[in-house]
Amino acid sequence: MGEVERYDVLVFGSGTGGKLVGWTMAKEGKRTAVVERKMIGGACPNVACLPSKNVIHSAKVASLVGRHREFGIETGKIAINMAEVYARKQKMVDEIVEVHLEKYHQSGSELILGEGRFIAPRTLQVALRDGGGRTLTADQVFVNLGTHATIPDIPGLRAAAPMSHVELLELQRTPEHLIVLGGGYVGLELGQAMRRLGSRVTVVERGLQLLSREDADFAQAVLDLFRDEGIDVLLHAEVRKVNGRSGDRVTLQLQGERGTHTIEGTDLLAAMGRTPNTQGIGLETAGIEITDQGHIRLNDRLETTAPNVWAIGECAGSPYFTHVSEDDFYIIHANLNGGSRSTRDRLVPNCIFIDPPLARVGLSELEARENGIPYRLATLPMDEVWRPWTLSEKRGFMKALIDARSDRILGFGAFGPEAGELMGTVQTAMLGGIPYPVLRDAVYAHPTMNEGLKGLFAGVPQTVPDRVGKRATENVHA
């Protein structure tokens, strides 16, 4: 093994939660090292959340320019320069990486670039990026390894070299016809963006709706949006075989309600789920067990099966959001300092950054029904809020689930302009246990999106009948 270097804290992976561990522990006076294979700061600032939203915003600008006459603007011929779209994105990424490097410097945490592998409990062997190797051990180890795009075992798919979001965000050309496999977050966000940037786009989803875990009304609203924007969406379509190569020409054989048929495109984006980065790195040697799904096995304090080893973020099976990885860090840090925080009953928000966005927090109708939780329902179309009129963005609606026997807010969802900001207001109320009439009776600035919360919560049914009726007549469910 060679000479073993001893640290107080060793972080394996520099994603959101991992880098916060490294910076914080080092500032607290502990000798800390962070081992990172490739991306300083992890996937979020390099190839995921931030660069994708950067490109999505370029696509929104392209959409608005395409609607210029609607806003009273006259212009000449416009064109999309994908090399410049990429350059804008990359400039942002490079600047964010520099911010991260400065934070490592200021904190005193040592960043080690290389491939790590456990060779003993709390001990990593690192093949350094610049050559050579080091062996590191620590009193406390934090594992933050992330996930990668899943490529299912479909005949011909892997040989077709499909893009994941990583490769798509590196494109400096406009695909002629992009076929997107998967109707979840990644597929929908990037599929819409590429359509607005000039590609023909087809989305292939094996389920009966887009966004399989969202309520059917939201899924239908997103489907209508995509079809209105000229995106072909094929539902209940199973990919049986792929021929060709992405970037040139691909042919997909599909099985669906119409029987077997084929579609052709030039580029292929695989957005069919995520696989934890937990294989081939010696976890078993370190006494760290994994689940059948490949996540690291742990308890609700994020402690693994190995003493003094914690796991953070997607590899730990936490919800696949950057903000959850950050919260994982805060839970661990609080508990190391005498706290008693847990991952149980976290109120985790999510936002799909299509345009307009879809945001939700708390229970959906689907989840409430699956768990037998009775609720009262209030809905409000976005065109009943004045702010969307000023934006010429009146598509969508919002809804809230209220406890059937109290005024507690169980869940909230919105599909429309600034939906994520709307969600944040309601989430704060839910965290504080604030009953919905407080939001209904609040005074909001005019014209803002939050103003719509008055109308939404004014529509909550005030009484619960002895016998729960249908949604269309009573908006009360059991």
Protein backbone atom coordinates (compact mmCIF):
# COMPACT_ATOMS: atom_id res chain seq x y z
CA MET A 1 0.00 0.00 0.00
CA GLY A 2 2.95 2.34 0.49
CA GLU A 3 2.95 5.15 2.99
CA VAL A 4 -0.48 5.86 4.43
CA GLU A 5 -1.35 9.53 4.92
CA ARG A 6 -3.63 10.23 7.87
CA TYR A 7 -6.44 12.80 7.90
CA ASP A 8 -9.18 13.72 10.28
CA VAL A 9 -11.76 13.85 7.48
CA LEU A 10 -11.76 12.22 4.06
CA VAL A 11 -14.44 13.05 1.49
CA PHE A 12 -14.87 10.75 -1.52
CA GLY A 13 -16.53 12.86 -4.22
CA SER A 14 -16.82 16.63 -4.46
CA GLY A 15 -20.52 17.02 -5.25
CA THR A 16 -22.72 19.44 -3.36
CA GLY A 17 -22.85 17.67 -0.03
CA GLY A 18 -19.26 16.45 -0.23
CA LYS A 19 -17.68 19.81 -0.91
CA LEU A 20 -19.69 21.36 1.94
CA VAL A 21 -18.31 18.69 4.27
CA GLY A 22 -14.78 19.42 3.07
CA TRP A 23 -14.99 23.20 3.35
CA THR A 24 -16.79 23.17 6.69
CA MET A 25 -14.68 20.55 8.43
CA ALA A 26 -11.46 22.22 7.29
CA LYS A 27 -12.63 25.58 8.60
CA GLU A 28 -13.31 23.88 11.91
CA GLY A 29 -9.65 22.96 12.16
CA LYS A 30 -9.74 19.35 10.95
CA ARG A 31 -7.20 18.07 8.48
CA THR A 32 -9.45 17.40 5.50
CA ALA A 33 -9.00 15.97 2.01
CA VAL A 34 -11.54 15.77 -0.80
CA VAL A 35 -10.91 13.20 -3.53
CA GLU A 36 -12.53 14.03 -6.88
CA ARG A 37 -12.31 11.94 -10.03
CA LYS A 38 -13.10 14.58 -12.63
CA MET A 39 -15.48 17.48 -11.97
CA ILE A 40 -14.54 20.08 -9.37
CA GLY A 41 -17.76 20.79 -7.52
CA GLY A 42 -19.49 17.69 -8.84
CA ALA A 43 -22.05 17.28 -11.60
CA CYS A 44 -24.36 20.17 -10.69
CA PRO A 45 -22.17 23.12 -11.74
CA ASN A 46 -20.37 21.22 -14.51
CA VAL A 47 -22.78 19.02 -16.47
CA ALA A 48 -26.15 19.06 -14.78
CA CYS A 49 -28.32 21.61 -12.95
CA LEU A 50 -26.60 24.89 -13.71
CA PRO A 51 -25.34 24.38 -17.28
CA SER A 52 -28.63 22.79 -18.32
CA LYS A 53 -30.57 25.77 -16.97
CA ASN A 54 -28.14 28.06 -18.78
CA VAL A 55 -28.92 26.36 -22.11
CA ILE A 56 -32.63 26.25 -21.25
CA HIS A 57 -32.56 30.01 -20.75
CA SER A 58 -30.92 30.49 -24.14
CA ALA A 59 -33.76 28.40 -25.56
CA LYS A 60 -36.32 30.62 -23.82
CA VAL A 61 -34.70 33.71 -25.30
CA ALA A 62 -34.89 32.03 -28.71
CA SER A 63 -38.58 31.34 -28.11
CA LEU A 64 -39.26 34.94 -27.11
CA VAL A 65 -37.36 36.26 -30.13
CA GLY A 66 -39.44 33.98 -32.31
CA ARG A 67 -42.54 35.63 -30.83
CA HIS A 68 -41.13 39.15 -31.22
CA ARG A 69 -44.11 40.60 -33.04
CA GLU A 70 -46.38 39.54 -30.18
CA PHE A 71 -44.44 41.96 -27.98
CA GLY A 72 -44.38 44.80 -30.50
CA ILE A 73 -40.79 44.19 -31.57
CA GLU A 74 -39.67 44.30 -35.19
CA THR A 75 -36.51 42.50 -36.21
CA GLY A 76 -34.86 40.91 -39.20
CA LYS A 77 -33.97 37.30 -39.87
CA ILE A 78 -32.72 35.42 -36.80
CA ALA A 79 -30.56 32.31 -36.51
CA ILE A 80 -29.37 30.01 -33.72
CA ASN A 81 -25.60 29.77 -33.28
CA MET A 82 -25.13 26.65 -31.15
CA ALA A 83 -21.41 27.30 -30.80
CA GLU A 84 -22.25 30.59 -29.07
CA VAL A 85 -24.92 28.89 -26.92
CA TYR A 86 -22.24 26.42 -25.85
CA ALA A 87 -19.69 29.20 -25.27
CA ARG A 88 -22.07 31.10 -22.98
CA LYS A 89 -22.70 27.94 -21.00
CA GLN A 90 -19.04 27.04 -20.78
CA LYS A 91 -18.03 30.52 -19.66
CA MET A 92 -20.44 30.20 -16.74
CA VAL A 93 -19.13 26.73 -15.86
CA ASP A 94 -15.50 27.88 -15.92
CA GLU A 95 -16.30 30.83 -13.67
CA ILE A 96 -18.15 28.62 -11.19
CA VAL A 97 -15.23 26.17 -11.08
CA GLU A 98 -12.94 29.08 -10.19
CA VAL A 99 -15.30 30.02 -7.36
CA HIS A 100 -15.03 26.45 -6.08
CA LEU A 101 -11.26 26.42 -6.24
CA GLU A 102 -11.15 29.65 -4.26
CA LYS A 103 -13.41 28.13 -1.61
CA TYR A 104 -11.04 25.16 -1.28
CA HIS A 105 -8.16 27.59 -0.88
CA GLN A 106 -9.95 29.73 1.70
CA SER A 107 -11.15 26.76 3.74
CA GLY A 108 -7.83 24.94 3.84
CA SER A 109 -9.39 21.73 2.53
CA GLU A 110 -7.06 19.77 0.26
CA LEU A 111 -8.52 18.87 -3.14
CA ILE A 112 -6.99 15.70 -4.61
CA LEU A 113 -7.81 14.93 -8.25
CA GLY A 114 -7.76 11.26 -9.14
CA GLU A 115 -9.56 7.91 -9.18
CA GLY A 116 -10.25 6.59 -5.69
CA ARG A 117 -10.91 3.08 -4.46
CA PHE A 118 -11.38 1.66 -0.97
CA ILE A 119 -8.67 -0.83 -0.04
CA ALA A 120 -9.50 -1.08 3.68
CA PRO A 121 -11.97 0.43 6.17
CA ARG A 122 -11.87 4.24 5.88
CA THR A 123 -8.85 3.96 3.56
CA LEU A 124 -8.65 5.09 -0.07
CA GLN A 125 -6.05 4.40 -2.69
CA VAL A 126 -6.00 7.22 -5.24
CA ALA A 127 -4.56 7.02 -8.75
CA LEU A 128 -3.68 10.66 -9.28
CA ARG A 129 -4.77 12.42 -12.46
CA ASP A 130 -1.24 13.69 -13.04
CA GLY A 131 0.36 10.32 -12.38
CA GLY A 132 1.44 8.40 -9.32
CA GLY A 133 -0.73 7.44 -6.38
CA ARG A 134 -1.50 8.13 -2.74
CA THR A 135 -3.05 6.14 0.06
CA LEU A 136 -5.26 8.08 2.45
CA THR A 137 -7.02 7.13 5.66
CA ALA A 138 -9.15 9.16 8.05
CA ASP A 139 -11.10 9.02 11.29
CA GLN A 140 -14.26 10.06 9.46
CA VAL A 141 -15.15 9.32 5.84
CA PHE A 142 -17.96 10.83 3.74
CA VAL A 143 -19.00 9.21 0.47
CA ASN A 144 -20.59 11.45 -2.18
CA LEU A 145 -20.26 9.55 -5.46
CA GLY A 146 -23.36 10.59 -7.42
CA THR A 147 -24.97 8.69 -10.30
CA HIS A 148 -24.69 8.34 -14.06
CA ALA A 149 -27.20 7.97 -16.87
CA THR A 150 -28.68 4.50 -17.17
CA ILE A 151 -28.36 2.80 -20.56
CA PRO A 152 -30.91 -0.05 -20.50
CA ASP A 153 -30.13 -3.42 -22.04
CA ILE A 154 -31.99 -2.75 -25.28
CA PRO A 155 -30.59 -4.45 -28.40
CA GLY A 156 -28.42 -1.99 -30.29
CA LEU A 157 -28.83 0.90 -27.85
CA ARG A 158 -25.35 0.93 -26.38
CA ALA A 159 -23.77 0.37 -29.80
CA ALA A 160 -25.67 3.44 -31.04
CA ALA A 161 -23.63 5.57 -28.58
CA PRO A 162 -26.58 7.64 -27.34
CA MET A 163 -25.91 10.95 -25.67
CA SER A 164 -26.65 11.51 -22.01
CA HIS A 165 -27.28 15.05 -20.77
CA VAL A 166 -23.50 15.37 -20.40
CA GLU A 167 -22.78 14.98 -24.11
CA LEU A 168 -25.82 16.98 -25.19
CA LEU A 169 -24.65 19.97 -23.17
CA GLU A 170 -21.34 19.80 -25.05
CA LEU A 171 -22.96 20.06 -28.48
CA GLN A 172 -21.93 22.95 -30.68
CA ARG A 173 -24.36 22.01 -33.43
CA THR A 174 -28.11 21.72 -33.74
CA PRO A 175 -29.29 18.11 -34.15
CA GLU A 176 -31.51 17.72 -37.19
CA HIS A 177 -33.86 15.29 -35.43
CA LEU A 178 -33.28 14.47 -31.77
CA ILE A 179 -35.02 11.40 -30.38
CA VAL A 180 -35.37 11.58 -26.61
CA LEU A 181 -35.76 8.30 -24.73
CA GLY A 182 -37.65 9.07 -21.53
CA GLY A 183 -40.37 11.48 -20.47
CA GLY A 184 -38.90 12.52 -17.12
CA TYR A 185 -37.10 15.63 -15.93
CA VAL A 186 -33.99 15.41 -18.09
CA GLY A 187 -35.75 14.34 -21.26
CA LEU A 188 -38.41 17.01 -21.05
CA GLU A 189 -36.13 19.90 -20.08
CA LEU A 190 -33.55 19.22 -22.76
CA GLY A 191 -36.05 18.05 -25.36
CA GLN A 192 -37.98 21.33 -25.20
CA ALA A 193 -34.75 23.35 -25.17
CA MET A 194 -33.43 21.64 -28.29
CA ARG A 195 -36.75 22.10 -30.07
CA ARG A 196 -36.62 25.82 -29.35
CA LEU A 197 -33.02 25.93 -30.56
CA GLY A 198 -34.04 24.52 -33.91
CA SER A 199 -34.12 20.72 -33.73
CA ARG A 200 -36.98 18.49 -34.65
CA VAL A 201 -37.67 16.52 -31.45
CA THR A 202 -39.45 13.26 -30.71
CA VAL A 203 -39.97 12.10 -27.11
CA VAL A 204 -40.47 8.37 -26.58
CA GLU A 205 -42.04 7.40 -23.24
CA ARG A 206 -42.91 3.83 -22.33
CA GLY A 207 -45.49 4.87 -19.74
CA LEU A 208 -49.05 6.00 -20.30
CA GLN A 209 -48.16 9.62 -19.48
CA LEU A 210 -45.18 11.93 -19.24
CA LEU A 211 -43.77 12.43 -15.72
CA SER A 212 -45.00 9.10 -14.40
CA ARG A 213 -45.02 10.15 -10.73
CA GLU A 214 -46.90 13.39 -11.26
CA ASP A 215 -50.66 13.88 -11.28
CA ALA A 216 -52.40 13.14 -14.57
CA ASP A 217 -53.66 16.72 -14.97
CA PHE A 218 -50.14 18.14 -14.77
CA ALA A 219 -48.84 15.45 -17.13
CA GLN A 220 -51.58 16.24 -19.64
CA ALA A 221 -50.84 19.96 -19.44
CA VAL A 222 -47.17 19.32 -20.20
CA LEU A 223 -48.13 17.01 -23.07
CA ASP A 224 -50.37 19.72 -24.55
CA LEU A 225 -47.52 22.24 -24.23
CA PHE A 226 -45.05 19.99 -26.03
CA ARG A 227 -47.42 19.17 -28.85
CA ASP A 228 -48.27 22.86 -29.25
CA GLU A 229 -44.54 23.55 -29.66
CA GLY A 230 -44.24 20.95 -32.41
CA ILE A 231 -42.64 18.20 -30.33
CA ASP A 232 -43.72 14.68 -31.24
CA VAL A 233 -44.57 12.69 -28.10
CA LEU A 234 -45.05 8.93 -28.31
CA LEU A 235 -46.61 7.45 -25.17
CA HIS A 236 -46.87 3.79 -24.18
CA ALA A 237 -44.04 3.10 -26.62
CA GLU A 238 -41.45 0.44 -25.77
CA VAL A 239 -38.11 0.55 -27.57
CA ARG A 240 -37.36 -2.94 -28.85
CA LYS A 241 -34.30 -2.37 -31.03
CA VAL A 242 -31.97 0.42 -32.12
CA ASN A 243 -29.93 0.57 -35.31
CA GLY A 244 -27.38 3.12 -36.45
CA ARG A 245 -25.32 5.59 -34.50
CA SER A 246 -26.25 8.81 -32.74
CA GLY A 247 -24.91 11.86 -34.54
CA ASP A 248 -25.41 10.25 -37.94
CA ARG A 249 -28.64 8.27 -38.34
CA VAL A 250 -30.59 6.08 -35.91
CA THR A 251 -33.64 3.90 -36.42
CA LEU A 252 -35.75 2.75 -33.48
CA GLN A 253 -38.17 -0.14 -33.52
CA LEU A 254 -41.05 0.59 -31.15
CA GLN A 255 -43.83 -1.56 -29.74
CA GLY A 256 -46.97 0.22 -28.62
CA GLU A 257 -50.71 0.51 -28.95
CA ARG A 258 -50.33 0.79 -32.72
CA GLY A 259 -48.29 -2.39 -32.84
CA THR A 260 -44.70 -2.44 -34.11
CA HIS A 261 -43.43 0.58 -36.02
CA THR A 262 -40.17 2.43 -36.60
CA ILE A 263 -38.99 6.01 -36.29
CA GLU A 264 -35.82 7.59 -37.63
CA GLY A 265 -33.68 10.43 -36.35
CA THR A 266 -30.16 11.78 -36.40
CA ASP A 267 -29.35 11.97 -32.69
CA LEU A 268 -30.34 10.01 -29.62
CA LEU A 269 -30.61 11.24 -26.01
CA ALA A 270 -30.91 8.57 -23.31
CA ALA A 271 -32.86 9.98 -20.36
CA MET A 272 -34.17 6.76 -18.87
CA GLY A 273 -33.06 7.00 -15.28
CA ARG A 274 -29.90 7.07 -13.18
CA THR A 275 -27.50 4.42 -11.84
CA PRO A 276 -25.51 4.97 -8.61
CA ASN A 277 -21.71 5.18 -8.97
CA THR A 278 -21.13 2.46 -6.39
CA GLN A 279 -19.64 -0.40 -8.41
CA GLY A 280 -15.97 -1.26 -8.70
CA ILE A 281 -14.68 1.07 -5.99
CA GLY A 282 -14.16 -1.40 -3.15
CA LEU A 283 -17.14 -0.51 -0.97
CA GLU A 284 -17.36 -4.10 0.24
CA THR A 285 -13.71 -3.95 1.33
CA ALA A 286 -14.58 -0.97 3.51
CA GLY A 287 -17.60 -2.72 5.06
CA ILE A 288 -20.05 -0.44 3.22
CA GLU A 289 -23.13 -2.34 2.08
CA ILE A 290 -25.31 -1.39 -0.88
CA THR A 291 -28.99 -2.04 -1.59
CA ASP A 292 -30.47 -4.06 -4.42
CA GLN A 293 -30.89 -0.77 -6.31
CA GLY A 294 -27.17 -0.02 -5.95
CA HIS A 295 -27.50 2.76 -3.38
CA ILE A 296 -25.39 2.78 -0.26
CA ARG A 297 -27.30 1.24 2.63
CA LEU A 298 -27.75 3.64 5.55
CA ASN A 299 -30.04 4.79 8.32
CA ASP A 300 -32.05 8.00 8.61
CA ARG A 301 -28.98 9.81 9.97
CA LEU A 302 -27.10 8.94 6.74
CA GLU A 303 -24.75 6.56 8.58
CA THR A 304 -23.56 3.60 6.50
CA THR A 305 -22.97 0.04 7.72
CA ALA A 306 -19.31 0.93 8.33
CA PRO A 307 -18.42 2.80 11.54
CA ASN A 308 -17.68 6.52 11.09
CA VAL A 309 -18.65 6.48 7.43
CA TRP A 310 -21.54 8.55 6.05
CA ALA A 311 -23.08 8.74 2.57
CA ILE A 312 -24.53 11.81 0.91
CA GLY A 313 -26.68 12.60 -2.10
CA GLU A 314 -27.75 10.41 -4.98
CA CYS A 315 -25.44 7.47 -4.22
CA ALA A 316 -27.13 7.32 -0.80
CA GLY A 317 -30.58 7.00 -2.35
CA SER A 318 -31.56 10.50 -1.31
CA PRO A 319 -33.98 12.21 -3.73
CA TYR A 320 -31.99 13.14 -6.81
CA PHE A 321 -31.80 16.89 -6.26
CA THR A 322 -28.86 19.15 -5.47
CA HIS A 323 -30.82 20.82 -2.67
CA VAL A 324 -31.29 17.42 -1.00
CA SER A 325 -27.56 16.67 -1.15
CA GLU A 326 -27.00 20.00 0.56
CA ASP A 327 -29.54 19.12 3.23
CA ASP A 328 -27.84 15.73 3.71
CA PHE A 329 -24.72 17.64 4.70
CA TYR A 330 -26.61 19.81 7.18
CA ILE A 331 -28.21 16.75 8.77
CA ILE A 332 -24.85 15.03 9.23
CA HIS A 333 -23.10 18.16 10.46
CA ALA A 334 -25.86 18.90 12.98
CA ASN A 335 -25.75 15.37 14.33
CA LEU A 336 -21.96 15.40 14.65
CA ASN A 337 -22.41 18.45 16.84
CA GLY A 338 -24.96 16.92 19.19
CA GLY A 339 -28.10 17.33 17.08
CA SER A 340 -30.79 14.78 16.29
CA ARG A 341 -31.77 15.53 12.72
CA SER A 342 -33.12 12.86 10.39
CA THR A 343 -34.01 12.32 6.74
CA ARG A 344 -37.48 11.18 7.78
CA ASP A 345 -40.41 13.42 6.86
CA ARG A 346 -38.34 15.95 4.95
CA LEU A 347 -40.45 18.36 2.94
CA VAL A 348 -38.61 18.10 -0.37
CA PRO A 349 -39.62 20.46 -3.19
CA ASN A 350 -39.02 19.78 -6.85
CA CYS A 351 -39.15 21.90 -9.97
CA ILE A 352 -39.02 20.82 -13.59
CA PHE A 353 -37.43 23.63 -15.58
CA ILE A 354 -39.45 23.34 -18.73
CA ASP A 355 -41.06 26.59 -19.84
CA PRO A 356 -43.35 27.30 -18.13
CA PRO A 357 -41.96 25.34 -15.17
CA LEU A 358 -43.78 22.70 -13.13
CA ALA A 359 -43.14 22.85 -9.38
CA ARG A 360 -44.52 20.80 -6.52
CA VAL A 361 -44.04 20.30 -2.79
CA GLY A 362 -45.71 17.96 -0.34
CA LEU A 363 -48.37 15.44 -1.30
CA SER A 364 -49.63 15.09 -4.85
CA GLU A 365 -53.12 13.82 -5.47
CA LEU A 366 -51.59 10.57 -6.69
CA GLU A 367 -49.66 10.10 -3.44
CA ALA A 368 -52.62 11.07 -1.28
CA ARG A 369 -54.82 8.49 -2.97
CA GLU A 370 -52.16 5.79 -2.84
CA ASN A 371 -51.79 6.37 0.91
CA GLY A 372 -55.50 6.75 1.67
CA ILE A 373 -55.15 10.34 2.89
CA PRO A 374 -58.40 12.34 2.57
CA TYR A 375 -58.05 15.88 1.31
CA ARG A 376 -59.86 18.94 0.03
CA LEU A 377 -58.78 20.28 -3.34
CA ALA A 378 -58.51 23.85 -4.64
CA THR A 379 -57.45 24.74 -8.17
CA LEU A 380 -56.93 28.00 -10.03
CA PRO A 381 -56.14 28.58 -13.72
CA MET A 382 -53.14 30.80 -14.33
CA ASP A 383 -55.25 33.14 -16.45
CA GLU A 384 -57.10 34.16 -13.31
CA VAL A 385 -53.88 35.76 -12.03
CA TRP A 386 -53.00 39.15 -13.54
CA ARG A 387 -49.22 38.70 -13.65
CA PRO A 388 -49.35 36.07 -16.45
CA TRP A 389 -51.40 38.49 -18.55
CA THR A 390 -48.55 41.03 -18.41
CA LEU A 391 -46.13 38.32 -19.58
CA SER A 392 -48.37 36.83 -22.29
CA GLU A 393 -47.87 33.53 -20.44
CA LYS A 394 -51.37 32.48 -19.34
CA ARG A 395 -50.92 28.71 -19.78
CA GLY A 396 -51.22 26.45 -16.74
CA PHE A 397 -52.82 26.20 -13.33
CA MET A 398 -52.04 25.74 -9.66
CA LYS A 399 -53.62 23.51 -7.04
CA ALA A 400 -53.45 22.84 -3.34
CA LEU A 401 -54.36 19.86 -1.20
CA ILE A 402 -55.80 20.71 2.22
CA ASP A 403 -56.36 18.24 5.03
CA ALA A 404 -59.99 17.08 5.06
CA ARG A 405 -60.46 17.79 8.79
CA SER A 406 -58.14 20.72 9.44
CA ASP A 407 -56.69 23.76 7.68
CA ARG A 408 -53.26 22.18 7.22
CA ILE A 409 -51.72 22.40 3.74
CA LEU A 410 -50.78 18.91 2.57
CA GLY A 411 -49.38 19.75 -0.84
CA PHE A 412 -49.08 22.32 -3.57
CA GLY A 413 -48.32 22.24 -7.28
CA ALA A 414 -48.10 24.86 -10.02
CA PHE A 415 -47.57 24.75 -13.76
CA GLY A 416 -47.01 28.26 -15.04
CA PRO A 417 -44.74 31.30 -14.90
CA GLU A 418 -42.45 31.47 -11.88
CA ALA A 419 -43.95 28.26 -10.49
CA GLY A 420 -40.84 27.55 -8.41
CA GLU A 421 -41.13 30.87 -6.60
CA LEU A 422 -44.83 30.28 -5.93
CA MET A 423 -43.94 26.88 -4.49
CA GLY A 424 -41.36 28.43 -2.16
CA THR A 425 -44.00 30.64 -0.56
CA VAL A 426 -46.33 27.72 0.12
CA GLN A 427 -43.47 25.48 1.29
CA THR A 428 -42.51 28.08 3.89
CA ALA A 429 -46.08 28.10 5.17
CA MET A 430 -46.10 24.30 5.32
CA LEU A 431 -42.82 24.19 7.24
CA GLY A 432 -44.20 26.69 9.75
CA GLY A 433 -47.48 24.82 10.16
CA ILE A 434 -49.33 27.90 8.93
CA PRO A 435 -52.98 27.13 8.08
CA TYR A 436 -54.09 27.95 4.56
CA PRO A 437 -56.43 30.87 5.54
CA VAL A 438 -53.32 32.89 6.44
CA LEU A 439 -52.18 32.71 2.81
CA ARG A 440 -55.71 33.33 1.60
CA ASP A 441 -56.03 36.51 3.68
CA ALA A 442 -52.50 37.87 3.17
CA VAL A 443 -51.83 41.08 1.25
CA TYR A 444 -49.54 40.47 -1.72
CA ALA A 445 -47.88 42.99 -3.99
CA HIS A 446 -49.70 43.60 -7.26
CA PRO A 447 -49.12 42.33 -9.88
CA THR A 448 -47.10 39.29 -8.69
CA MET A 449 -47.57 35.56 -9.04
CA ASN A 450 -48.01 35.21 -5.28
CA GLU A 451 -51.15 37.29 -5.61
CA GLY A 452 -52.73 34.20 -7.16
CA LEU A 453 -52.49 32.36 -3.86
CA LYS A 454 -55.40 34.44 -2.57
CA GLY A 455 -57.67 33.14 -5.30
CA LEU A 456 -56.37 29.60 -4.98
CA PHE A 457 -56.94 29.28 -1.26
CA ALA A 458 -60.24 31.15 -1.44
CA GLY A 459 -61.45 28.18 -3.46
CA VAL A 460 -60.87 25.58 -0.72
CA PRO A 461 -64.19 23.84 0.10
CA GLN A 462 -65.23 24.95 3.59
CA THR A 463 -67.23 21.92 4.63
CA VAL A 464 -66.65 18.21 4.39
CA PRO A 465 -69.81 16.22 3.60
CA ASP A 466 -70.61 13.09 5.58
CA ARG A 467 -70.03 11.07 2.47
CA VAL A 468 -67.06 11.98 0.31
CA GLY A 469 -68.17 12.80 -3.21
CA LYS A 470 -66.53 13.03 -6.58
CA ARG A 471 -63.89 15.58 -7.38
CA ALA A 472 -66.00 17.35 -9.98
CA THR A 473 -68.80 18.12 -7.55
CA GLU A 474 -67.24 18.49 -4.15
CA ASN A 475 -63.43 18.69 -4.46
CA VAL A 476 -63.15 16.43 -1.39
CA HIS A 477 -61.45 13.04 -1.54
CA ALA A 478 -60.90 10.02 0.63
